[in-house]
PDB file of N, CA and C in Angstrom:
ATOM      1  N   UNK A   1     299.600 190.107 112.108  1.00  0.00           N
ATOM      2  CA  UNK A   1     298.760 189.598 113.175  1.00  0.00           C
ATOM      3  C   UNK A   1     298.262 188.197 112.804  1.00  0.00           C
ATOM      4  N   UNK A   2     298.358 187.275 113.677  1.00  0.00           N
ATOM      5  CA  UNK A   2     297.969 185.891 113.444  1.00  0.00           C
ATOM      6  C   UNK A   2     296.646 185.624 114.154  1.00  0.00           C
ATOM      7  N   UNK A   3     295.729 184.992 113.388  1.00  0.00           N
ATOM      8  CA  UNK A   3     294.432 184.635 113.961  1.00  0.00           C
ATOM      9  C   UNK A   3     294.443 183.157 114.325  1.00  0.00           C
ATOM     10  N   UNK A   4     293.842 182.856 115.455  1.00  0.00           N
ATOM     11  CA  UNK A   4     293.777 181.459 115.875  1.00  0.00           C
ATOM     12  C   UNK A   4     292.718 180.683 115.088  1.00  0.00           C
ATOM     13  N   UNK A   5     291.548 181.279 114.945  1.00  0.00           N
ATOM     14  CA  UNK A   5     290.432 180.602 114.279  1.00  0.00           C
ATOM     15  C   UNK A   5     290.087 181.332 112.989  1.00  0.00           C
ATOM     16  N   UNK A   6     290.181 180.635 111.886  1.00  0.00           N
ATOM     17  CA  UNK A   6     289.819 181.203 110.588  1.00  0.00           C
ATOM     18  C   UNK A   6     288.856 180.225 109.924  1.00  0.00           C
ATOM     19  N   UNK A   7     287.703 180.746 109.487  1.00  0.00           N
ATOM     20  CA  UNK A   7     286.766 179.905 108.752  1.00  0.00           C
ATOM     21  C   UNK A   7     287.232 179.843 107.303  1.00  0.00           C
ATOM     22  N   UNK A   8     287.316 178.624 106.776  1.00  0.00           N
ATOM     23  CA  UNK A   8     287.806 178.431 105.414  1.00  0.00           C
ATOM     24  C   UNK A   8     286.687 177.967 104.490  1.00  0.00           C
ATOM     25  N   UNK A   9     286.859 178.298 103.223  1.00  0.00           N
ATOM     26  CA  UNK A   9     285.905 177.897 102.193  1.00  0.00           C
ATOM     27  C   UNK A   9     286.685 177.108 101.150  1.00  0.00           C
ATOM     28  N   UNK A  10     286.200 175.925 100.814  1.00  0.00           N
ATOM     29  CA  UNK A  10     286.871 175.070  99.835  1.00  0.00           C
ATOM     30  C   UNK A  10     286.360 175.431  98.444  1.00  0.00           C
ATOM     31  N   UNK A  11     287.285 175.715  97.548  1.00  0.00           N
ATOM     32  CA  UNK A  11     286.946 176.106  96.181  1.00  0.00           C
ATOM     33  C   UNK A  11     287.562 175.104  95.223  1.00  0.00           C
ATOM     34  N   UNK A  12     286.892 174.858  94.094  1.00  0.00           N
ATOM     35  CA  UNK A  12     287.451 173.982  93.067  1.00  0.00           C
ATOM     36  C   UNK A  12     287.624 174.790  91.797  1.00  0.00           C
ATOM     37  N   UNK A  13     288.791 174.750  91.208  1.00  0.00           N
ATOM     38  CA  UNK A  13     289.054 175.466  89.959  1.00  0.00           C
ATOM     39  C   UNK A  13     288.290 174.759  88.836  1.00  0.00           C
ATOM     40  N   UNK A  14     287.491 175.506  88.042  1.00  0.00           N
ATOM     41  CA  UNK A  14     286.742 174.864  86.961  1.00  0.00           C
ATOM     42  C   UNK A  14     287.644 174.393  85.812  1.00  0.00           C
ATOM     43  N   UNK A  15     288.864 174.931  85.722  1.00  0.00           N
ATOM     44  CA  UNK A  15     289.775 174.528  84.629  1.00  0.00           C
ATOM     45  C   UNK A  15     290.585 173.288  84.975  1.00  0.00           C
ATOM     46  N   UNK A  16     291.303 173.315  86.119  1.00  0.00           N
ATOM     47  CA  UNK A  16     292.186 172.194  86.467  1.00  0.00           C
ATOM     48  C   UNK A  16     291.634 171.296  87.580  1.00  0.00           C
ATOM     49  N   UNK A  17     290.478 171.664  88.136  1.00  0.00           N
ATOM     50  CA  UNK A  17     289.791 170.900  89.190  1.00  0.00           C
ATOM     51  C   UNK A  17     290.625 170.742  90.456  1.00  0.00           C
ATOM     52  N   UNK A  18     291.533 171.658  90.678  1.00  0.00           N
ATOM     53  CA  UNK A  18     292.332 171.672  91.890  1.00  0.00           C
ATOM     54  C   UNK A  18     291.492 172.230  93.033  1.00  0.00           C
ATOM     55  N   UNK A  19     291.507 171.560  94.154  1.00  0.00           N
ATOM     56  CA  UNK A  19     290.807 172.070  95.334  1.00  0.00           C
ATOM     57  C   UNK A  19     291.772 172.964  96.099  1.00  0.00           C
ATOM     58  N   UNK A  20     291.282 174.129  96.481  1.00  0.00           N
ATOM     59  CA  UNK A  20     292.093 175.029  97.293  1.00  0.00           C
ATOM     60  C   UNK A  20     291.203 175.733  98.288  1.00  0.00           C
ATOM     61  N   UNK A  21     291.829 176.255  99.337  1.00  0.00           N
ATOM     62  CA  UNK A  21     291.096 176.862 100.437  1.00  0.00           C
ATOM     63  C   UNK A  21     291.366 178.357 100.466  1.00  0.00           C
ATOM     64  N   UNK A  22     290.254 179.109 100.688  1.00  0.00           N
ATOM     65  CA  UNK A  22     290.383 180.550 100.921  1.00  0.00           C
ATOM     66  C   UNK A  22     289.568 180.872 102.164  1.00  0.00           C
ATOM     67  N   UNK A  23     289.868 181.990 102.780  1.00  0.00           N
ATOM     68  CA  UNK A  23     289.103 182.332 103.989  1.00  0.00           C
ATOM     69  C   UNK A  23     287.662 182.634 103.593  1.00  0.00           C
ATOM     70  N   UNK A  24     286.752 182.320 104.468  1.00  0.00           N
ATOM     71  CA  UNK A  24     285.326 182.561 104.213  1.00  0.00           C
ATOM     72  C   UNK A  24     285.064 184.049 104.013  1.00  0.00           C
ATOM     73  N   UNK A  25     285.766 184.878 104.773  1.00  0.00           N
ATOM     74  CA  UNK A  25     285.617 186.327 104.648  1.00  0.00           C
ATOM     75  C   UNK A  25     286.031 186.786 103.241  1.00  0.00           C
ATOM     76  N   UNK A  26     287.172 186.253 102.744  1.00  0.00           N
ATOM     77  CA  UNK A  26     287.649 186.605 101.404  1.00  0.00           C
ATOM     78  C   UNK A  26     286.667 186.088 100.336  1.00  0.00           C
ATOM     79  N   UNK A  27     286.172 184.886 100.524  1.00  0.00           N
ATOM     80  CA  UNK A  27     285.175 184.310  99.603  1.00  0.00           C
ATOM     81  C   UNK A  27     283.941 185.203  99.514  1.00  0.00           C
ATOM     82  N   UNK A  28     283.419 185.635 100.656  1.00  0.00           N
ATOM     83  CA  UNK A  28     282.225 186.492 100.666  1.00  0.00           C
ATOM     84  C   UNK A  28     282.487 187.809  99.942  1.00  0.00           C
ATOM     85  N   UNK A  29     283.685 188.373 100.145  1.00  0.00           N
ATOM     86  CA  UNK A  29     284.064 189.608  99.455  1.00  0.00           C
ATOM     87  C   UNK A  29     284.096 189.399  97.939  1.00  0.00           C
ATOM     88  N   UNK A  30     284.669 188.279  97.496  1.00  0.00           N
ATOM     89  CA  UNK A  30     284.750 187.976  96.062  1.00  0.00           C
ATOM     90  C   UNK A  30     283.360 187.783  95.449  1.00  0.00           C
ATOM     91  N   UNK A  31     282.475 187.137  96.182  1.00  0.00           N
ATOM     92  CA  UNK A  31     281.110 186.914  95.686  1.00  0.00           C
ATOM     93  C   UNK A  31     280.381 188.243  95.522  1.00  0.00           C
ATOM     94  N   UNK A  32     280.504 189.131  96.511  1.00  0.00           N
ATOM     95  CA  UNK A  32     279.816 190.430  96.451  1.00  0.00           C
ATOM     96  C   UNK A  32     280.411 191.341  95.384  1.00  0.00           C
ATOM     97  N   UNK A  33     281.742 191.390  95.304  1.00  0.00           N
ATOM     98  CA  UNK A  33     282.392 192.319  94.380  1.00  0.00           C
ATOM     99  C   UNK A  33     282.459 191.781  92.953  1.00  0.00           C
ATOM    100  N   UNK A  34     282.348 190.476  92.800  1.00  0.00           N
ATOM    101  CA  UNK A  34     282.445 189.798  91.512  1.00  0.00           C
ATOM    102  C   UNK A  34     283.812 190.015  90.846  1.00  0.00           C
ATOM    103  N   UNK A  35     284.852 190.301  91.647  1.00  0.00           N
ATOM    104  CA  UNK A  35     286.214 190.442  91.113  1.00  0.00           C
ATOM    105  C   UNK A  35     286.733 189.087  90.691  1.00  0.00           C
ATOM    106  N   UNK A  36     287.667 189.105  89.771  1.00  0.00           N
ATOM    107  CA  UNK A  36     288.270 187.843  89.364  1.00  0.00           C
ATOM    108  C   UNK A  36     289.418 187.494  90.320  1.00  0.00           C
ATOM    109  N   UNK A  37     289.688 186.222  90.444  1.00  0.00           N
ATOM    110  CA  UNK A  37     290.782 185.730  91.278  1.00  0.00           C
ATOM    111  C   UNK A  37     291.352 184.502  90.583  1.00  0.00           C
ATOM    112  N   UNK A  38     292.462 184.014  91.046  1.00  0.00           N
ATOM    113  CA  UNK A  38     293.134 182.885  90.392  1.00  0.00           C
ATOM    114  C   UNK A  38     293.308 181.730  91.350  1.00  0.00           C
ATOM    115  N   UNK A  39     293.298 180.521  90.795  1.00  0.00           N
ATOM    116  CA  UNK A  39     293.620 179.333  91.578  1.00  0.00           C
ATOM    117  C   UNK A  39     295.141 179.300  91.744  1.00  0.00           C
ATOM    118  N   UNK A  40     295.667 178.426  92.575  1.00  0.00           N
ATOM    119  CA  UNK A  40     297.127 178.344  92.746  1.00  0.00           C
ATOM    120  C   UNK A  40     297.883 178.051  91.442  1.00  0.00           C
ATOM    121  N   UNK A  41     297.215 177.465  90.442  1.00  0.00           N
ATOM    122  CA  UNK A  41     297.854 177.190  89.154  1.00  0.00           C
ATOM    123  C   UNK A  41     297.729 178.371  88.189  1.00  0.00           C
ATOM    124  N   UNK A  42     297.082 179.465  88.610  1.00  0.00           N
ATOM    125  CA  UNK A  42     297.005 180.679  87.796  1.00  0.00           C
ATOM    126  C   UNK A  42     295.778 180.801  86.903  1.00  0.00           C
ATOM    127  N   UNK A  43     294.813 179.903  87.011  1.00  0.00           N
ATOM    128  CA  UNK A  43     293.588 179.998  86.195  1.00  0.00           C
ATOM    129  C   UNK A  43     292.660 181.053  86.787  1.00  0.00           C
ATOM    130  N   UNK A  44     292.256 181.977  85.933  1.00  0.00           N
ATOM    131  CA  UNK A  44     291.407 183.078  86.377  1.00  0.00           C
ATOM    132  C   UNK A  44     289.947 182.629  86.464  1.00  0.00           C
ATOM    133  N   UNK A  45     289.252 183.117  87.454  1.00  0.00           N
ATOM    134  CA  UNK A  45     287.827 182.797  87.638  1.00  0.00           C
ATOM    135  C   UNK A  45     287.165 183.907  88.429  1.00  0.00           C
ATOM    136  N   UNK A  46     285.833 183.925  88.396  1.00  0.00           N
ATOM    137  CA  UNK A  46     285.091 184.919  89.176  1.00  0.00           C
ATOM    138  C   UNK A  46     283.684 184.397  89.419  1.00  0.00           C
ATOM    139  N   UNK A  47     283.012 185.019  90.349  1.00  0.00           N
ATOM    140  CA  UNK A  47     281.612 184.681  90.641  1.00  0.00           C
ATOM    141  C   UNK A  47     280.746 185.653  89.856  1.00  0.00           C
ATOM    142  N   UNK A  48     280.065 185.146  88.847  1.00  0.00           N
ATOM    143  CA  UNK A  48     279.267 186.036  88.010  1.00  0.00           C
ATOM    144  C   UNK A  48     277.770 185.948  88.298  1.00  0.00           C
ATOM    145  N   UNK A  49     277.363 184.928  88.985  1.00  0.00           N
ATOM    146  CA  UNK A  49     275.936 184.760  89.267  1.00  0.00           C
ATOM    147  C   UNK A  49     275.460 185.665  90.390  1.00  0.00           C
ATOM    148  N   UNK A  50     274.194 185.542  90.684  1.00  0.00           N
ATOM    149  CA  UNK A  50     273.609 186.338  91.767  1.00  0.00           C
ATOM    150  C   UNK A  50     273.984 185.737  93.113  1.00  0.00           C
ATOM    151  N   UNK A  51     274.154 186.602  94.084  1.00  0.00           N
ATOM    152  CA  UNK A  51     274.421 186.134  95.438  1.00  0.00           C
ATOM    153  C   UNK A  51     273.117 185.635  96.045  1.00  0.00           C
ATOM    154  N   UNK A  52     273.238 184.944  97.152  1.00  0.00           N
ATOM    155  CA  UNK A  52     272.036 184.456  97.852  1.00  0.00           C
ATOM    156  C   UNK A  52     271.157 185.629  98.272  1.00  0.00           C
ATOM    157  N   UNK A  53     271.796 186.730  98.670  1.00  0.00           N
ATOM    158  CA  UNK A  53     271.033 187.920  99.060  1.00  0.00           C
ATOM    159  C   UNK A  53     270.269 188.501  97.876  1.00  0.00           C
ATOM    160  N   UNK A  54     270.934 188.531  96.696  1.00  0.00           N
ATOM    161  CA  UNK A  54     270.263 189.050  95.509  1.00  0.00           C
ATOM    162  C   UNK A  54     269.105 188.144  95.092  1.00  0.00           C
ATOM    163  N   UNK A  55     269.323 186.829  95.180  1.00  0.00           N
ATOM    164  CA  UNK A  55     268.258 185.886  94.841  1.00  0.00           C
ATOM    165  C   UNK A  55     267.076 186.053  95.786  1.00  0.00           C
ATOM    166  N   UNK A  56     267.358 186.207  97.068  1.00  0.00           N
ATOM    167  CA  UNK A  56     266.297 186.406  98.055  1.00  0.00           C
ATOM    168  C   UNK A  56     265.542 187.701  97.775  1.00  0.00           C
ATOM    169  N   UNK A  57     266.283 188.762  97.480  1.00  0.00           N
ATOM    170  CA  UNK A  57     265.652 190.048  97.167  1.00  0.00           C
ATOM    171  C   UNK A  57     264.761 189.921  95.933  1.00  0.00           C
ATOM    172  N   UNK A  58     265.248 189.218  94.888  1.00  0.00           N
ATOM    173  CA  UNK A  58     264.452 189.001  93.681  1.00  0.00           C
ATOM    174  C   UNK A  58     263.191 188.202  93.982  1.00  0.00           C
ATOM    175  N   UNK A  59     263.304 187.188  94.835  1.00  0.00           N
ATOM    176  CA  UNK A  59     262.131 186.379  95.213  1.00  0.00           C
ATOM    177  C   UNK A  59     261.098 187.221  95.953  1.00  0.00           C
ATOM    178  N   UNK A  60     261.567 188.075  96.845  1.00  0.00           N
ATOM    179  CA  UNK A  60     260.651 188.937  97.600  1.00  0.00           C
ATOM    180  C   UNK A  60     259.942 189.908  96.654  1.00  0.00           C
ATOM    181  N   UNK A  61     260.696 190.480  95.702  1.00  0.00           N
ATOM    182  CA  UNK A  61     260.097 191.390  94.731  1.00  0.00           C
ATOM    183  C   UNK A  61     259.071 190.680  93.857  1.00  0.00           C
ATOM    184  N   UNK A  62     259.399 189.457  93.426  1.00  0.00           N
ATOM    185  CA  UNK A  62     258.475 188.678  92.606  1.00  0.00           C
ATOM    186  C   UNK A  62     257.213 188.326  93.398  1.00  0.00           C
ATOM    187  N   UNK A  63     257.386 187.970  94.653  1.00  0.00           N
ATOM    188  CA  UNK A  63     256.243 187.658  95.515  1.00  0.00           C
ATOM    189  C   UNK A  63     255.338 188.881  95.653  1.00  0.00           C
ATOM    190  N   UNK A  64     255.945 190.043  95.865  1.00  0.00           N
ATOM    191  CA  UNK A  64     255.173 191.279  96.006  1.00  0.00           C
ATOM    192  C   UNK A  64     254.441 191.618  94.706  1.00  0.00           C
ATOM    193  N   UNK A  65     255.121 191.412  93.566  1.00  0.00           N
ATOM    194  CA  UNK A  65     254.499 191.681  92.271  1.00  0.00           C
ATOM    195  C   UNK A  65     253.297 190.757  92.055  1.00  0.00           C
ATOM    196  N   UNK A  66     253.459 189.470  92.388  1.00  0.00           N
ATOM    197  CA  UNK A  66     252.349 188.516  92.233  1.00  0.00           C
ATOM    198  C   UNK A  66     251.198 188.825  93.189  1.00  0.00           C
ATOM    199  N   UNK A  67     251.542 189.210  94.428  1.00  0.00           N
ATOM    200  CA  UNK A  67     250.494 189.568  95.387  1.00  0.00           C
ATOM    201  C   UNK A  67     249.695 190.760  94.875  1.00  0.00           C
ATOM    202  N   UNK A  68     250.390 191.763  94.334  1.00  0.00           N
ATOM    203  CA  UNK A  68     249.710 192.944  93.800  1.00  0.00           C
ATOM    204  C   UNK A  68     248.827 192.562  92.614  1.00  0.00           C
ATOM    205  N   UNK A  69     249.340 191.673  91.761  1.00  0.00           N
ATOM    206  CA  UNK A  69     248.566 191.209  90.606  1.00  0.00           C
ATOM    207  C   UNK A  69     247.275 190.526  91.067  1.00  0.00           C
ATOM    208  N   UNK A  70     247.391 189.631  92.054  1.00  0.00           N
ATOM    209  CA  UNK A  70     246.206 188.912  92.530  1.00  0.00           C
ATOM    210  C   UNK A  70     245.243 189.839  93.257  1.00  0.00           C
ATOM    211  N   UNK A  71     245.775 190.798  94.012  1.00  0.00           N
ATOM    212  CA  UNK A  71     244.910 191.776  94.669  1.00  0.00           C
ATOM    213  C   UNK A  71     244.115 192.567  93.629  1.00  0.00           C
ATOM    214  N   UNK A  72     244.808 192.998  92.570  1.00  0.00           N
ATOM    215  CA  UNK A  72     244.138 193.745  91.508  1.00  0.00           C
ATOM    216  C   UNK A  72     243.103 192.872  90.807  1.00  0.00           C
ATOM    217  N   UNK A  73     243.472 191.604  90.545  1.00  0.00           N
ATOM    218  CA  UNK A  73     242.541 190.687  89.875  1.00  0.00           C
ATOM    219  C   UNK A  73     241.298 190.441  90.721  1.00  0.00           C
ATOM    220  N   UNK A  74     241.492 190.251  92.018  1.00  0.00           N
ATOM    221  CA  UNK A  74     240.351 190.025  92.916  1.00  0.00           C
ATOM    222  C   UNK A  74     239.476 191.270  92.990  1.00  0.00           C
ATOM    223  N   UNK A  75     240.100 192.432  93.041  1.00  0.00           N
ATOM    224  CA  UNK A  75     239.331 193.676  93.102  1.00  0.00           C
ATOM    225  C   UNK A  75     238.499 193.840  91.836  1.00  0.00           C
ATOM    226  N   UNK A  76     239.092 193.535  90.679  1.00  0.00           N
ATOM    227  CA  UNK A  76     238.342 193.634  89.417  1.00  0.00           C
ATOM    228  C   UNK A  76     237.203 192.626  89.404  1.00  0.00           C
ATOM    229  N   UNK A  77     237.493 191.422  89.866  1.00  0.00           N
ATOM    230  CA  UNK A  77     236.470 190.381  89.894  1.00  0.00           C
ATOM    231  C   UNK A  77     235.309 190.800  90.788  1.00  0.00           C
ATOM    232  N   UNK A  78     235.621 191.340  91.963  1.00  0.00           N
ATOM    233  CA  UNK A  78     234.573 191.815  92.866  1.00  0.00           C
ATOM    234  C   UNK A  78     233.792 192.959  92.241  1.00  0.00           C
ATOM    235  N   UNK A  79     234.497 193.844  91.543  1.00  0.00           N
ATOM    236  CA  UNK A  79     233.835 194.974  90.884  1.00  0.00           C
ATOM    237  C   UNK A  79     232.879 194.465  89.802  1.00  0.00           C
ATOM    238  N   UNK A  80     233.326 193.494  88.987  1.00  0.00           N
ATOM    239  CA  UNK A  80     232.465 192.924  87.947  1.00  0.00           C
ATOM    240  C   UNK A  80     231.237 192.265  88.575  1.00  0.00           C
ATOM    241  N   UNK A  81     231.452 191.525  89.665  1.00  0.00           N
ATOM    242  CA  UNK A  81     230.343 190.849  90.332  1.00  0.00           C
ATOM    243  C   UNK A  81     229.343 191.872  90.875  1.00  0.00           C
ATOM    244  N   UNK A  82     229.856 192.930  91.526  1.00  0.00           N
ATOM    245  CA  UNK A  82     228.970 193.966  92.063  1.00  0.00           C
ATOM    246  C   UNK A  82     228.175 194.635  90.946  1.00  0.00           C
ATOM    247  N   UNK A  83     228.835 194.932  89.829  1.00  0.00           N
ATOM    248  CA  UNK A  83     228.139 195.550  88.694  1.00  0.00           C
ATOM    249  C   UNK A  83     227.079 194.613  88.132  1.00  0.00           C
ATOM    250  N   UNK A  84     227.406 193.335  88.051  1.00  0.00           N
ATOM    251  CA  UNK A  84     226.447 192.363  87.548  1.00  0.00           C
ATOM    252  C   UNK A  84     225.223 192.309  88.455  1.00  0.00           C
ATOM    253  N   UNK A  85     225.447 192.321  89.783  1.00  0.00           N
ATOM    254  CA  UNK A  85     224.341 192.296  90.736  1.00  0.00           C
ATOM    255  C   UNK A  85     223.470 193.551  90.584  1.00  0.00           C
ATOM    256  N   UNK A  86     224.103 194.720  90.387  1.00  0.00           N
ATOM    257  CA  UNK A  86     223.339 195.962  90.195  1.00  0.00           C
ATOM    258  C   UNK A  86     222.464 195.873  88.953  1.00  0.00           C
ATOM    259  N   UNK A  87     223.034 195.384  87.874  1.00  0.00           N
ATOM    260  CA  UNK A  87     222.274 195.250  86.624  1.00  0.00           C
ATOM    261  C   UNK A  87     221.125 194.263  86.825  1.00  0.00           C
ATOM    262  N   UNK A  88     221.389 193.184  87.522  1.00  0.00           N
ATOM    263  CA  UNK A  88     220.350 192.194  87.789  1.00  0.00           C
ATOM    264  C   UNK A  88     219.205 192.808  88.586  1.00  0.00           C
ATOM    265  N   UNK A  89     219.536 193.629  89.584  1.00  0.00           N
ATOM    266  CA  UNK A  89     218.495 194.299  90.380  1.00  0.00           C
ATOM    267  C   UNK A  89     217.684 195.251  89.519  1.00  0.00           C
ATOM    268  N   UNK A  90     218.375 195.995  88.661  1.00  0.00           N
ATOM    269  CA  UNK A  90     217.683 196.938  87.784  1.00  0.00           C
ATOM    270  C   UNK A  90     216.741 196.203  86.830  1.00  0.00           C
ATOM    271  N   UNK A  91     217.188 195.063  86.337  1.00  0.00           N
ATOM    272  CA  UNK A  91     216.339 194.287  85.435  1.00  0.00           C
ATOM    273  C   UNK A  91     215.096 193.767  86.157  1.00  0.00           C
ATOM    274  N   UNK A  92     215.236 193.410  87.411  1.00  0.00           N
ATOM    275  CA  UNK A  92     214.078 192.939  88.170  1.00  0.00           C
ATOM    276  C   UNK A  92     213.084 194.067  88.417  1.00  0.00           C
ATOM    277  N   UNK A  93     213.596 195.294  88.524  1.00  0.00           N
ATOM    278  CA  UNK A  93     212.708 196.439  88.754  1.00  0.00           C
ATOM    279  C   UNK A  93     211.844 196.734  87.535  1.00  0.00           C
ATOM    280  N   UNK A  94     212.399 196.459  86.373  1.00  0.00           N
ATOM    281  CA  UNK A  94     211.640 196.714  85.145  1.00  0.00           C
ATOM    282  C   UNK A  94     210.562 195.644  85.049  1.00  0.00           C
ATOM    283  N   UNK A  95     209.303 196.087  85.041  1.00  0.00           N
ATOM    284  CA  UNK A  95     208.207 195.127  85.003  1.00  0.00           C
ATOM    285  C   UNK A  95     207.923 194.752  83.560  1.00  0.00           C
ATOM    286  N   UNK A  96     207.818 193.473  83.357  1.00  0.00           N
ATOM    287  CA  UNK A  96     207.499 192.992  82.026  1.00  0.00           C
ATOM    288  C   UNK A  96     206.003 193.194  81.804  1.00  0.00           C
ATOM    289  N   UNK A  97     205.615 193.635  80.615  1.00  0.00           N
ATOM    290  CA  UNK A  97     204.182 193.818  80.348  1.00  0.00           C
ATOM    291  C   UNK A  97     203.479 192.462  80.382  1.00  0.00           C
ATOM    292  N   UNK A  98     202.342 192.457  81.059  1.00  0.00           N
ATOM    293  CA  UNK A  98     201.576 191.216  81.153  1.00  0.00           C
ATOM    294  C   UNK A  98     200.772 191.030  79.879  1.00  0.00           C
ATOM    295  N   UNK A  99     200.700 189.776  79.464  1.00  0.00           N
ATOM    296  CA  UNK A  99     199.898 189.477  78.281  1.00  0.00           C
ATOM    297  C   UNK A  99     198.433 189.513  78.682  1.00  0.00           C
ATOM    298  N   UNK A 100     197.675 190.249  77.911  1.00  0.00           N
ATOM    299  CA  UNK A 100     196.245 190.353  78.201  1.00  0.00           C
ATOM    300  C   UNK A 100     195.525 189.186  77.544  1.00  0.00           C
ATOM    301  N   UNK A 101     194.600 188.620  78.301  1.00  0.00           N
ATOM    302  CA  UNK A 101     193.779 187.544  77.756  1.00  0.00           C
ATOM    303  C   UNK A 101     192.629 188.184  77.007  1.00  0.00           C
ATOM    304  N   UNK A 102     192.527 187.796  75.776  1.00  0.00           N
ATOM    305  CA  UNK A 102     191.437 188.365  74.981  1.00  0.00           C
ATOM    306  C   UNK A 102     190.259 187.394  74.965  1.00  0.00           C
ATOM    307  N   UNK A 103     189.120 187.945  75.225  1.00  0.00           N
ATOM    308  CA  UNK A 103     187.911 187.132  75.178  1.00  0.00           C
ATOM    309  C   UNK A 103     187.215 187.415  73.854  1.00  0.00           C
ATOM    310  N   UNK A 104     186.918 186.345  73.177  1.00  0.00           N
ATOM    311  CA  UNK A 104     186.216 186.493  71.904  1.00  0.00           C
ATOM    312  C   UNK A 104     184.762 186.128  72.147  1.00  0.00           C
ATOM    313  N   UNK A 105     183.947 187.059  71.802  1.00  0.00           N
ATOM    314  CA  UNK A 105     182.515 186.799  71.946  1.00  0.00           C
ATOM    315  C   UNK A 105     182.028 186.072  70.713  1.00  0.00           C
ATOM    316  N   UNK A 106     181.335 185.018  70.975  1.00  0.00           N
ATOM    317  CA  UNK A 106     180.809 184.234  69.858  1.00  0.00           C
ATOM    318  C   UNK A 106     179.597 184.937  69.275  1.00  0.00           C
ATOM    319  N   UNK A 107     179.639 185.095  67.981  1.00  0.00           N
ATOM    320  CA  UNK A 107     178.491 185.695  67.312  1.00  0.00           C
ATOM    321  C   UNK A 107     178.313 185.007  65.971  1.00  0.00           C
ATOM    322  N   UNK A 108     177.130 184.838  65.578  1.00  0.00           N
ATOM    323  CA  UNK A 108     176.823 184.271  64.274  1.00  0.00           C
ATOM    324  C   UNK A 108     177.401 182.886  64.093  1.00  0.00           C
ATOM    325  N   UNK A 109     178.299 182.745  63.151  1.00  0.00           N
ATOM    326  CA  UNK A 109     178.825 181.439  62.775  1.00  0.00           C
ATOM    327  C   UNK A 109     179.778 180.859  63.822  1.00  0.00           C
ATOM    328  N   UNK A 110     180.143 181.641  64.791  1.00  0.00           N
ATOM    329  CA  UNK A 110     181.051 181.146  65.824  1.00  0.00           C
ATOM    330  C   UNK A 110     180.322 180.512  66.997  1.00  0.00           C
ATOM    331  N   UNK A 111     179.009 180.486  66.929  1.00  0.00           N
ATOM    332  CA  UNK A 111     178.256 179.897  68.026  1.00  0.00           C
ATOM    333  C   UNK A 111     178.492 178.407  68.050  1.00  0.00           C
ATOM    334  N   UNK A 112     178.427 177.870  69.221  1.00  0.00           N
ATOM    335  CA  UNK A 112     178.589 176.441  69.383  1.00  0.00           C
ATOM    336  C   UNK A 112     177.393 175.735  68.770  1.00  0.00           C
ATOM    337  N   UNK A 113     177.706 174.728  68.005  1.00  0.00           N
ATOM    338  CA  UNK A 113     176.622 174.024  67.344  1.00  0.00           C
ATOM    339  C   UNK A 113     176.191 172.833  68.192  1.00  0.00           C
ATOM    340  N   UNK A 114     174.958 172.614  68.195  1.00  0.00           N
ATOM    341  CA  UNK A 114     174.421 171.483  68.964  1.00  0.00           C
ATOM    342  C   UNK A 114     174.531 170.210  68.131  1.00  0.00           C
ATOM    343  N   UNK A 115     174.233 169.086  68.756  1.00  0.00           N
ATOM    344  CA  UNK A 115     174.324 167.798  68.073  1.00  0.00           C
ATOM    345  C   UNK A 115     173.337 167.721  66.907  1.00  0.00           C
ATOM    346  N   UNK A 116     172.194 168.321  67.087  1.00  0.00           N
ATOM    347  CA  UNK A 116     171.202 168.259  66.014  1.00  0.00           C
ATOM    348  C   UNK A 116     171.675 169.072  64.817  1.00  0.00           C
ATOM    349  N   UNK A 117     172.350 170.195  65.073  1.00  0.00           N
ATOM    350  CA  UNK A 117     172.890 171.005  63.975  1.00  0.00           C
ATOM    351  C   UNK A 117     173.952 170.214  63.216  1.00  0.00           C
ATOM    352  N   UNK A 118     174.747 169.452  63.954  1.00  0.00           N
ATOM    353  CA  UNK A 118     175.807 168.675  63.318  1.00  0.00           C
ATOM    354  C   UNK A 118     175.226 167.569  62.451  1.00  0.00           C
ATOM    355  N   UNK A 119     174.115 166.995  62.884  1.00  0.00           N
ATOM    356  CA  UNK A 119     173.481 165.942  62.106  1.00  0.00           C
ATOM    357  C   UNK A 119     172.969 166.522  60.805  1.00  0.00           C
ATOM    358  N   UNK A 120     172.443 167.721  60.845  1.00  0.00           N
ATOM    359  CA  UNK A 120     171.938 168.355  59.651  1.00  0.00           C
ATOM    360  C   UNK A 120     173.060 168.661  58.651  1.00  0.00           C
ATOM    361  N   UNK A 121     174.213 169.024  59.169  1.00  0.00           N
ATOM    362  CA  UNK A 121     175.360 169.335  58.299  1.00  0.00           C
ATOM    363  C   UNK A 121     175.839 168.068  57.606  1.00  0.00           C
ATOM    364  N   UNK A 122     175.788 166.908  58.294  1.00  0.00           N
ATOM    365  CA  UNK A 122     176.225 165.653  57.713  1.00  0.00           C
ATOM    366  C   UNK A 122     175.289 165.198  56.598  1.00  0.00           C
ATOM    367  N   UNK A 123     173.998 165.474  56.749  1.00  0.00           N
ATOM    368  CA  UNK A 123     173.014 165.050  55.774  1.00  0.00           C
ATOM    369  C   UNK A 123     173.212 165.803  54.469  1.00  0.00           C
ATOM    370  N   UNK A 124     173.608 166.985  54.532  1.00  0.00           N
ATOM    371  CA  UNK A 124     173.751 167.822  53.333  1.00  0.00           C
ATOM    372  C   UNK A 124     174.885 167.410  52.545  1.00  0.00           C
TER     373      UNK A 124
END
């Protein structure tokens, strides 16, 4: 059966650098199956890397992993903040003991001396 329209893919042999054409359908099959094939000069080659679909799938998985990591990190951060706020509230509830002002009553030698008393002390 002869096809009128065939999409072609241009390939270059890594050994002899010969350009050759294969059908796009055959190229896609080779990329997915990773089978080896030969250039017209007989040099064997294969597609060993990841396909675009595999790369996209890996990117989506990595994105999901990072999103989960950040969600977990944010949740922990919020939990730490909430716990800190609770502790802060509890600390405010605890009343600090007030310092009592002590009044000292002057007696005997602690009495305030008048100016005349001071003059007498200087004379002695």
